Amino acid sequence: AKLEVLDDRLSYRVRRSSQNRSTEPEKLDERV
């Protein structure tokens, strides 16, 4: 259940970041 909550809470941010290949330092820092 914790794994599912983690997926719901954070996966969209990681997936969204991987599709947006910005090289701006602020965006890269946010993705990291």
PDB file of all heavy atoms in Angstrom:
ATOM      1  N   ALA A   1       0.837  -1.199   0.000  1.00  0.00           N
ATOM      2  CA  ALA A   1       0.000   0.000   0.000  1.00  0.00           C
ATOM      3  C   ALA A   1       0.875   1.254   0.000  1.00  0.00           C
ATOM      4  O   ALA A   1       0.565   2.233  -0.682  1.00  0.00           O
ATOM      5  CB  ALA A   1      -0.932  -0.006   1.207  1.00  0.00           C
ATOM      6  N   LYS A   2       1.985   1.232   0.758  1.00  0.00           N
ATOM      7  CA  LYS A   2       2.917   2.359   0.762  1.00  0.00           C
ATOM      8  C   LYS A   2       3.507   2.558  -0.633  1.00  0.00           C
ATOM      9  O   LYS A   2       3.710   3.693  -1.077  1.00  0.00           O
ATOM     10  CB  LYS A   2       4.039   2.132   1.764  1.00  0.00           C
ATOM     11  CG  LYS A   2       3.617   2.256   3.194  1.00  0.00           C
ATOM     12  CD  LYS A   2       4.801   1.995   4.107  1.00  0.00           C
ATOM     13  CE  LYS A   2       4.414   1.981   5.556  1.00  0.00           C
ATOM     14  NZ  LYS A   2       5.571   1.693   6.428  1.00  0.00           N
ATOM     15  N   LEU A   3       3.796   1.463  -1.309  1.00  0.00           N
ATOM     16  CA  LEU A   3       4.336   1.542  -2.661  1.00  0.00           C
ATOM     17  C   LEU A   3       3.335   2.194  -3.611  1.00  0.00           C
ATOM     18  O   LEU A   3       3.695   3.039  -4.429  1.00  0.00           O
ATOM     19  CB  LEU A   3       4.717   0.149  -3.155  1.00  0.00           C
ATOM     20  CG  LEU A   3       5.311   0.061  -4.554  1.00  0.00           C
ATOM     21  CD1 LEU A   3       6.616   0.841  -4.629  1.00  0.00           C
ATOM     22  CD2 LEU A   3       5.536  -1.394  -4.929  1.00  0.00           C
ATOM     23  N   GLU A   4       2.068   1.824  -3.482  1.00  0.00           N
ATOM     24  CA  GLU A   4       1.046   2.417  -4.332  1.00  0.00           C
ATOM     25  C   GLU A   4       0.882   3.908  -4.058  1.00  0.00           C
ATOM     26  O   GLU A   4       0.722   4.707  -4.982  1.00  0.00           O
ATOM     27  CB  GLU A   4      -0.277   1.684  -4.148  1.00  0.00           C
ATOM     28  CG  GLU A   4      -0.257   0.290  -4.751  1.00  0.00           C
ATOM     29  CD  GLU A   4      -1.578  -0.423  -4.605  1.00  0.00           C
ATOM     30  OE1 GLU A   4      -2.229  -0.282  -3.536  1.00  0.00           O
ATOM     31  OE2 GLU A   4      -1.958  -1.112  -5.552  1.00  0.00           O
ATOM     32  N   VAL A   5       0.948   4.303  -2.785  1.00  0.00           N
ATOM     33  CA  VAL A   5       0.855   5.723  -2.436  1.00  0.00           C
ATOM     34  C   VAL A   5       2.043   6.486  -3.020  1.00  0.00           C
ATOM     35  O   VAL A   5       1.887   7.579  -3.563  1.00  0.00           O
ATOM     36  CB  VAL A   5       0.765   5.904  -0.904  1.00  0.00           C
ATOM     37  CG1 VAL A   5       0.948   7.355  -0.505  1.00  0.00           C
ATOM     38  CG2 VAL A   5      -0.558   5.366  -0.382  1.00  0.00           C
ATOM     39  N   LEU A   6       3.225   5.899  -2.902  1.00  0.00           N
ATOM     40  CA  LEU A   6       4.420   6.520  -3.469  1.00  0.00           C
ATOM     41  C   LEU A   6       4.265   6.704  -4.979  1.00  0.00           C
ATOM     42  O   LEU A   6       4.569   7.765  -5.515  1.00  0.00           O
ATOM     43  CB  LEU A   6       5.653   5.670  -3.164  1.00  0.00           C
ATOM     44  CG  LEU A   6       6.970   6.119  -3.785  1.00  0.00           C
ATOM     45  CD1 LEU A   6       7.389   7.477  -3.234  1.00  0.00           C
ATOM     46  CD2 LEU A   6       8.048   5.092  -3.526  1.00  0.00           C
ATOM     47  N   ASP A   7       3.782   5.687  -5.632  1.00  0.00           N
ATOM     48  CA  ASP A   7       3.571   5.762  -7.082  1.00  0.00           C
ATOM     49  C   ASP A   7       2.581   6.867  -7.426  1.00  0.00           C
ATOM     50  O   ASP A   7       2.838   7.687  -8.308  1.00  0.00           O
ATOM     51  CB  ASP A   7       3.079   4.415  -7.604  1.00  0.00           C
ATOM     52  CG  ASP A   7       2.885   4.411  -9.102  1.00  0.00           C
ATOM     53  OD1 ASP A   7       3.760   4.949  -9.818  1.00  0.00           O
ATOM     54  OD2 ASP A   7       1.873   3.869  -9.567  1.00  0.00           O
ATOM     55  N   ASP A   8       1.466   6.918  -6.702  1.00  0.00           N
ATOM     56  CA  ASP A   8       0.459   7.952  -6.968  1.00  0.00           C
ATOM     57  C   ASP A   8       0.995   9.350  -6.711  1.00  0.00           C
ATOM     58  O   ASP A   8       0.677  10.289  -7.429  1.00  0.00           O
ATOM     59  CB  ASP A   8      -0.779   7.732  -6.092  1.00  0.00           C
ATOM     60  CG  ASP A   8      -1.568   6.508  -6.485  1.00  0.00           C
ATOM     61  OD1 ASP A   8      -1.369   5.996  -7.608  1.00  0.00           O
ATOM     62  OD2 ASP A   8      -2.385   6.043  -5.663  1.00  0.00           O
ATOM     63  N   ARG A   9       1.834   9.482  -5.694  1.00  0.00           N
ATOM     64  CA  ARG A   9       2.295  10.794  -5.267  1.00  0.00           C
ATOM     65  C   ARG A   9       3.454  11.331  -6.089  1.00  0.00           C
ATOM     66  O   ARG A   9       3.541  12.526  -6.354  1.00  0.00           O
ATOM     67  CB  ARG A   9       2.704  10.715  -3.796  1.00  0.00           C
ATOM     68  CG  ARG A   9       2.841  12.033  -3.106  1.00  0.00           C
ATOM     69  CD  ARG A   9       2.937  11.872  -1.604  1.00  0.00           C
ATOM     70  NE  ARG A   9       3.906  10.899  -1.183  1.00  0.00           N
ATOM     71  CZ  ARG A   9       5.201  11.149  -1.001  1.00  0.00           C
ATOM     72  NH1 ARG A   9       5.677  12.344  -1.218  1.00  0.00           N
ATOM     73  NH2 ARG A   9       6.011  10.199  -0.612  1.00  0.00           N
ATOM     74  N   LEU A  10       4.373  10.467  -6.525  1.00  0.00           N
ATOM     75  CA  LEU A  10       5.600  10.967  -7.146  1.00  0.00           C
ATOM     76  C   LEU A  10       5.846  10.527  -8.586  1.00  0.00           C
ATOM     77  O   LEU A  10       6.592  11.190  -9.298  1.00  0.00           O
ATOM     78  CB  LEU A  10       6.813  10.564  -6.298  1.00  0.00           C
ATOM     79  CG  LEU A  10       6.911  11.218  -4.924  1.00  0.00           C
ATOM     80  CD1 LEU A  10       8.097  10.654  -4.161  1.00  0.00           C
ATOM     81  CD2 LEU A  10       7.040  12.713  -5.058  1.00  0.00           C
ATOM     82  N   SER A  11       5.282   9.435  -9.019  1.00  0.00           N
ATOM     83  CA  SER A  11       5.606   8.935 -10.360  1.00  0.00           C
ATOM     84  C   SER A  11       5.275   9.930 -11.460  1.00  0.00           C
ATOM     85  O   SER A  11       6.026  10.079 -12.416  1.00  0.00           O
ATOM     86  CB  SER A  11       4.875   7.624 -10.639  1.00  0.00           C
ATOM     87  OG  SER A  11       5.442   6.596  -9.893  1.00  0.00           O
ATOM     88  N   TYR A  12       4.174  10.630 -11.316  1.00  0.00           N
ATOM     89  CA  TYR A  12       3.806  11.575 -12.377  1.00  0.00           C
ATOM     90  C   TYR A  12       4.856  12.676 -12.512  1.00  0.00           C
ATOM     91  O   TYR A  12       5.116  13.153 -13.605  1.00  0.00           O
ATOM     92  CB  TYR A  12       2.416  12.178 -12.116  1.00  0.00           C
ATOM     93  CG  TYR A  12       2.417  13.284 -11.090  1.00  0.00           C
ATOM     94  CD1 TYR A  12       2.523  14.617 -11.486  1.00  0.00           C
ATOM     95  CD2 TYR A  12       2.327  13.010  -9.730  1.00  0.00           C
ATOM     96  CE1 TYR A  12       2.539  15.641 -10.556  1.00  0.00           C
ATOM     97  CE2 TYR A  12       2.338  14.020  -8.798  1.00  0.00           C
ATOM     98  CZ  TYR A  12       2.435  15.328  -9.213  1.00  0.00           C
ATOM     99  OH  TYR A  12       2.464  16.329  -8.285  1.00  0.00           O
ATOM    100  N   ARG A  13       5.474  13.076 -11.379  1.00  0.00           N
ATOM    101  CA  ARG A  13       6.496  14.123 -11.444  1.00  0.00           C
ATOM    102  C   ARG A  13       7.743  13.618 -12.165  1.00  0.00           C
ATOM    103  O   ARG A  13       8.350  14.342 -12.944  1.00  0.00           O
ATOM    104  CB  ARG A  13       6.858  14.608 -10.047  1.00  0.00           C
ATOM    105  CG  ARG A  13       5.736  15.396  -9.445  1.00  0.00           C
ATOM    106  CD  ARG A  13       5.933  15.952  -8.073  1.00  0.00           C
ATOM    107  NE  ARG A  13       7.206  15.854  -7.428  1.00  0.00           N
ATOM    108  CZ  ARG A  13       7.372  15.969  -6.127  1.00  0.00           C
ATOM    109  NH1 ARG A  13       6.334  16.152  -5.337  1.00  0.00           N
ATOM    110  NH2 ARG A  13       8.561  15.882  -5.593  1.00  0.00           N
ATOM    111  N   VAL A  14       8.112  12.378 -11.906  1.00  0.00           N
ATOM    112  CA  VAL A  14       9.302  11.822 -12.552  1.00  0.00           C
ATOM    113  C   VAL A  14       9.026  11.592 -14.027  1.00  0.00           C
ATOM    114  O   VAL A  14       9.858  11.906 -14.878  1.00  0.00           O
ATOM    115  CB  VAL A  14       9.738  10.524 -11.848  1.00  0.00           C
ATOM    116  CG1 VAL A  14      10.869   9.852 -12.595  1.00  0.00           C
ATOM    117  CG2 VAL A  14      10.154  10.824 -10.408  1.00  0.00           C
ATOM    118  N   ARG A  15       7.859  11.057 -14.356  1.00  0.00           N
ATOM    119  CA  ARG A  15       7.514  10.835 -15.771  1.00  0.00           C
ATOM    120  C   ARG A  15       7.427  12.150 -16.527  1.00  0.00           C
ATOM    121  O   ARG A  15       7.924  12.272 -17.634  1.00  0.00           O
ATOM    122  CB  ARG A  15       6.186  10.086 -15.874  1.00  0.00           C
ATOM    123  CG  ARG A  15       6.294   8.652 -15.525  1.00  0.00           C
ATOM    124  CD  ARG A  15       4.997   7.921 -15.858  1.00  0.00           C
ATOM    125  NE  ARG A  15       4.969   6.657 -15.167  1.00  0.00           N
ATOM    126  CZ  ARG A  15       4.106   6.335 -14.216  1.00  0.00           C
ATOM    127  NH1 ARG A  15       3.164   7.180 -13.869  1.00  0.00           N
ATOM    128  NH2 ARG A  15       4.159   5.161 -13.622  1.00  0.00           N
ATOM    129  N   ARG A  16       6.792  13.135 -15.907  1.00  0.00           N
ATOM    130  CA  ARG A  16       6.655  14.454 -16.536  1.00  0.00           C
ATOM    131  C   ARG A  16       8.039  15.042 -16.801  1.00  0.00           C
ATOM    132  O   ARG A  16       8.303  15.578 -17.863  1.00  0.00           O
ATOM    133  CB  ARG A  16       5.865  15.389 -15.620  1.00  0.00           C
ATOM    134  CG  ARG A  16       5.814  16.828 -16.078  1.00  0.00           C
ATOM    135  CD  ARG A  16       5.121  17.717 -15.055  1.00  0.00           C
ATOM    136  NE  ARG A  16       5.584  17.514 -13.698  1.00  0.00           N
ATOM    137  CZ  ARG A  16       6.545  18.237 -13.109  1.00  0.00           C
ATOM    138  NH1 ARG A  16       7.131  19.196 -13.772  1.00  0.00           N
ATOM    139  NH2 ARG A  16       6.906  18.003 -11.867  1.00  0.00           N
ATOM    140  N   SER A  17       8.927  14.907 -15.843  1.00  0.00           N
ATOM    141  CA  SER A  17      10.272  15.452 -15.991  1.00  0.00           C
ATOM    142  C   SER A  17      11.056  14.752 -17.087  1.00  0.00           C
ATOM    143  O   SER A  17      11.852  15.367 -17.774  1.00  0.00           O
ATOM    144  CB  SER A  17      11.032  15.336 -14.671  1.00  0.00           C
ATOM    145  OG  SER A  17      10.422  16.126 -13.691  1.00  0.00           O
ATOM    146  N   SER A  18      10.853  13.455 -17.237  1.00  0.00           N
ATOM    147  CA  SER A  18      11.608  12.724 -18.252  1.00  0.00           C
ATOM    148  C   SER A  18      11.158  13.093 -19.665  1.00  0.00           C
ATOM    149  O   SER A  18      11.918  12.969 -20.611  1.00  0.00           O
ATOM    150  CB  SER A  18      11.503  11.218 -18.035  1.00  0.00           C
ATOM    151  OG  SER A  18      10.188  10.779 -18.270  1.00  0.00           O
ATOM    152  N   GLN A  19       9.926  13.564 -19.801  1.00  0.00           N
ATOM    153  CA  GLN A  19       9.437  13.976 -21.113  1.00  0.00           C
ATOM    154  C   GLN A  19       9.870  15.390 -21.454  1.00  0.00           C
ATOM    155  O   GLN A  19       9.952  15.763 -22.609  1.00  0.00           O
ATOM    156  CB  GLN A  19       7.910  13.880 -21.149  1.00  0.00           C
ATOM    157  CG  GLN A  19       7.419  12.464 -21.038  1.00  0.00           C
ATOM    158  CD  GLN A  19       5.917  12.397 -20.847  1.00  0.00           C
ATOM    159  OE1 GLN A  19       5.244  13.398 -20.703  1.00  0.00           O
ATOM    160  NE2 GLN A  19       5.393  11.183 -20.815  1.00  0.00           N
ATOM    161  N   ASN A  20      10.151  16.180 -20.436  1.00  0.00           N
ATOM    162  CA  ASN A  20      10.571  17.566 -20.630  1.00  0.00           C
ATOM    163  C   ASN A  20      12.089  17.626 -20.504  1.00  0.00           C
ATOM    164  O   ASN A  20      12.626  17.656 -19.425  1.00  0.00           O
ATOM    165  CB  ASN A  20       9.895  18.456 -19.586  1.00  0.00           C
ATOM    166  CG  ASN A  20      10.246  19.909 -19.750  1.00  0.00           C
ATOM    167  OD1 ASN A  20      10.863  20.296 -20.732  1.00  0.00           O
ATOM    168  ND2 ASN A  20       9.866  20.710 -18.780  1.00  0.00           N
ATOM    169  N   ARG A  21      12.796  17.668 -21.593  1.00  0.00           N
ATOM    170  CA  ARG A  21      14.261  17.593 -21.616  1.00  0.00           C
ATOM    171  C   ARG A  21      14.922  18.971 -21.523  1.00  0.00           C
ATOM    172  O   ARG A  21      15.875  19.253 -22.224  1.00  0.00           O
ATOM    173  CB  ARG A  21      14.736  16.892 -22.883  1.00  0.00           C
ATOM    174  CG  ARG A  21      14.250  15.484 -23.021  1.00  0.00           C
ATOM    175  CD  ARG A  21      15.099  14.587 -22.189  1.00  0.00           C
ATOM    176  NE  ARG A  21      14.676  13.207 -22.405  1.00  0.00           N
ATOM    177  CZ  ARG A  21      14.975  12.249 -21.584  1.00  0.00           C
ATOM    178  NH1 ARG A  21      15.684  12.481 -20.522  1.00  0.00           N
ATOM    179  NH2 ARG A  21      14.574  11.033 -21.821  1.00  0.00           N
ATOM    180  N   SER A  22      14.402  19.817 -20.670  1.00  0.00           N
ATOM    181  CA  SER A  22      14.961  21.153 -20.505  1.00  0.00           C
ATOM    182  C   SER A  22      16.367  21.075 -19.918  1.00  0.00           C
ATOM    183  O   SER A  22      16.660  20.233 -19.084  1.00  0.00           O
ATOM    184  CB  SER A  22      14.062  21.967 -19.577  1.00  0.00           C
ATOM    185  OG  SER A  22      14.655  23.209 -19.309  1.00  0.00           O
ATOM    186  N   THR A  23      17.231  21.961 -20.375  1.00  0.00           N
ATOM    187  CA  THR A  23      18.600  22.002 -19.848  1.00  0.00           C
ATOM    188  C   THR A  23      18.816  23.194 -18.929  1.00  0.00           C
ATOM    189  O   THR A  23      19.937  23.475 -18.545  1.00  0.00           O
ATOM    190  CB  THR A  23      19.622  22.050 -20.993  1.00  0.00           C
ATOM    191  OG1 THR A  23      19.353  23.187 -21.797  1.00  0.00           O
ATOM    192  CG2 THR A  23      19.579  20.789 -21.817  1.00  0.00           C
ATOM    193  N   GLU A  24      17.738  23.876 -18.571  1.00  0.00           N
ATOM    194  CA  GLU A  24      17.845  24.990 -17.642  1.00  0.00           C
ATOM    195  C   GLU A  24      18.273  24.443 -16.281  1.00  0.00           C
ATOM    196  O   GLU A  24      17.733  23.452 -15.805  1.00  0.00           O
ATOM    197  CB  GLU A  24      16.511  25.712 -17.504  1.00  0.00           C
ATOM    198  CG  GLU A  24      16.013  26.343 -18.781  1.00  0.00           C
ATOM    199  CD  GLU A  24      14.611  26.890 -18.608  1.00  0.00           C
ATOM    200  OE1 GLU A  24      14.265  27.323 -17.491  1.00  0.00           O
ATOM    201  OE2 GLU A  24      13.865  26.875 -19.586  1.00  0.00           O
ATOM    202  N   PRO A  25      19.256  25.076 -15.640  1.00  0.00           N
ATOM    203  CA  PRO A  25      19.750  24.563 -14.344  1.00  0.00           C
ATOM    204  C   PRO A  25      18.652  24.383 -13.293  1.00  0.00           C
ATOM    205  O   PRO A  25      18.656  23.407 -12.550  1.00  0.00           O
ATOM    206  CB  PRO A  25      20.755  25.624 -13.912  1.00  0.00           C
ATOM    207  CG  PRO A  25      21.192  26.282 -15.168  1.00  0.00           C
ATOM    208  CD  PRO A  25      20.005  26.234 -16.084  1.00  0.00           C
ATOM    209  N   GLU A  26      17.692  25.297 -13.249  1.00  0.00           N
ATOM    210  CA  GLU A  26      16.623  25.191 -12.257  1.00  0.00           C
ATOM    211  C   GLU A  26      15.752  23.957 -12.514  1.00  0.00           C
ATOM    212  O   GLU A  26      15.361  23.259 -11.591  1.00  0.00           O
ATOM    213  CB  GLU A  26      15.742  26.448 -12.272  1.00  0.00           C
ATOM    214  CG  GLU A  26      16.466  27.713 -11.871  1.00  0.00           C
ATOM    215  CD  GLU A  26      17.248  28.347 -13.021  1.00  0.00           C
ATOM    216  OE1 GLU A  26      16.990  28.025 -14.198  1.00  0.00           O
ATOM    217  OE2 GLU A  26      18.153  29.146 -12.717  1.00  0.00           O
ATOM    218  N   LYS A  27      15.463  23.709 -13.779  1.00  0.00           N
ATOM    219  CA  LYS A  27      14.643  22.548 -14.143  1.00  0.00           C
ATOM    220  C   LYS A  27      15.390  21.245 -13.882  1.00  0.00           C
ATOM    221  O   LYS A  27      14.813  20.276 -13.414  1.00  0.00           O
ATOM    222  CB  LYS A  27      14.209  22.618 -15.614  1.00  0.00           C
ATOM    223  CG  LYS A  27      13.317  23.776 -15.936  1.00  0.00           C
ATOM    224  CD  LYS A  27      11.955  23.587 -15.335  1.00  0.00           C
ATOM    225  CE  LYS A  27      11.049  24.729 -15.745  1.00  0.00           C
ATOM    226  NZ  LYS A  27       9.734  24.630 -15.140  1.00  0.00           N
ATOM    227  N   LEU A  28      16.680  21.234 -14.197  1.00  0.00           N
ATOM    228  CA  LEU A  28      17.478  20.039 -13.939  1.00  0.00           C
ATOM    229  C   LEU A  28      17.544  19.747 -12.445  1.00  0.00           C
ATOM    230  O   LEU A  28      17.418  18.598 -12.016  1.00  0.00           O
ATOM    231  CB  LEU A  28      18.892  20.203 -14.512  1.00  0.00           C
ATOM    232  CG  LEU A  28      19.018  20.179 -16.022  1.00  0.00           C
ATOM    233  CD1 LEU A  28      20.446  20.531 -16.430  1.00  0.00           C
ATOM    234  CD2 LEU A  28      18.619  18.833 -16.582  1.00  0.00           C
ATOM    235  N   ASP A  29      17.723  20.790 -11.647  1.00  0.00           N
ATOM    236  CA  ASP A  29      17.779  20.628 -10.199  1.00  0.00           C
ATOM    237  C   ASP A  29      16.461  20.084  -9.666  1.00  0.00           C
ATOM    238  O   ASP A  29      16.438  19.191  -8.810  1.00  0.00           O
ATOM    239  CB  ASP A  29      18.112  21.971  -9.545  1.00  0.00           C
ATOM    240  CG  ASP A  29      18.389  21.831  -8.070  1.00  0.00           C
ATOM    241  OD1 ASP A  29      19.176  20.924  -7.700  1.00  0.00           O
ATOM    242  OD2 ASP A  29      17.838  22.621  -7.283  1.00  0.00           O
ATOM    243  N   GLU A  30      15.356  20.577 -10.175  1.00  0.00           N
ATOM    244  CA  GLU A  30      14.037  20.100  -9.762  1.00  0.00           C
ATOM    245  C   GLU A  30      13.855  18.621 -10.123  1.00  0.00           C
ATOM    246  O   GLU A  30      13.358  17.838  -9.321  1.00  0.00           O
ATOM    247  CB  GLU A  30      12.947  20.946 -10.429  1.00  0.00           C
ATOM    248  CG  GLU A  30      11.543  20.547 -10.058  1.00  0.00           C
ATOM    249  CD  GLU A  30      10.502  21.383 -10.781  1.00  0.00           C
ATOM    250  OE1 GLU A  30      10.798  22.523 -11.180  1.00  0.00           O
ATOM    251  OE2 GLU A  30       9.390  20.869 -10.958  1.00  0.00           O
ATOM    252  N   ARG A  31      14.286  18.252 -11.323  1.00  0.00           N
ATOM    253  CA  ARG A  31      14.173  16.853 -11.753  1.00  0.00           C
ATOM    254  C   ARG A  31      15.001  15.935 -10.867  1.00  0.00           C
ATOM    255  O   ARG A  31      14.556  14.859 -10.469  1.00  0.00           O
ATOM    256  CB  ARG A  31      14.612  16.709 -13.207  1.00  0.00           C
ATOM    257  CG  ARG A  31      13.614  17.301 -14.187  1.00  0.00           C
ATOM    258  CD  ARG A  31      14.117  17.364 -15.605  1.00  0.00           C
ATOM    259  NE  ARG A  31      14.630  16.095 -16.084  1.00  0.00           N
ATOM    260  CZ  ARG A  31      15.413  15.964 -17.138  1.00  0.00           C
ATOM    261  NH1 ARG A  31      15.771  17.030 -17.819  1.00  0.00           N
ATOM    262  NH2 ARG A  31      15.836  14.781 -17.524  1.00  0.00           N
ATOM    263  N   VAL A  32      16.216  16.370 -10.541  1.00  0.00           N
ATOM    264  CA  VAL A  32      17.088  15.564  -9.680  1.00  0.00           C
ATOM    265  C   VAL A  32      16.454  15.406  -8.302  1.00  0.00           C
ATOM    266  O   VAL A  32      16.470  14.318  -7.722  1.00  0.00           O
ATOM    267  CB  VAL A  32      18.499  16.189  -9.589  1.00  0.00           C
ATOM    268  CG1 VAL A  32      19.316  15.542  -8.496  1.00  0.00           C
ATOM    269  CG2 VAL A  32      19.206  16.061 -10.928  1.00  0.00           C
TER     270      VAL A  32
END
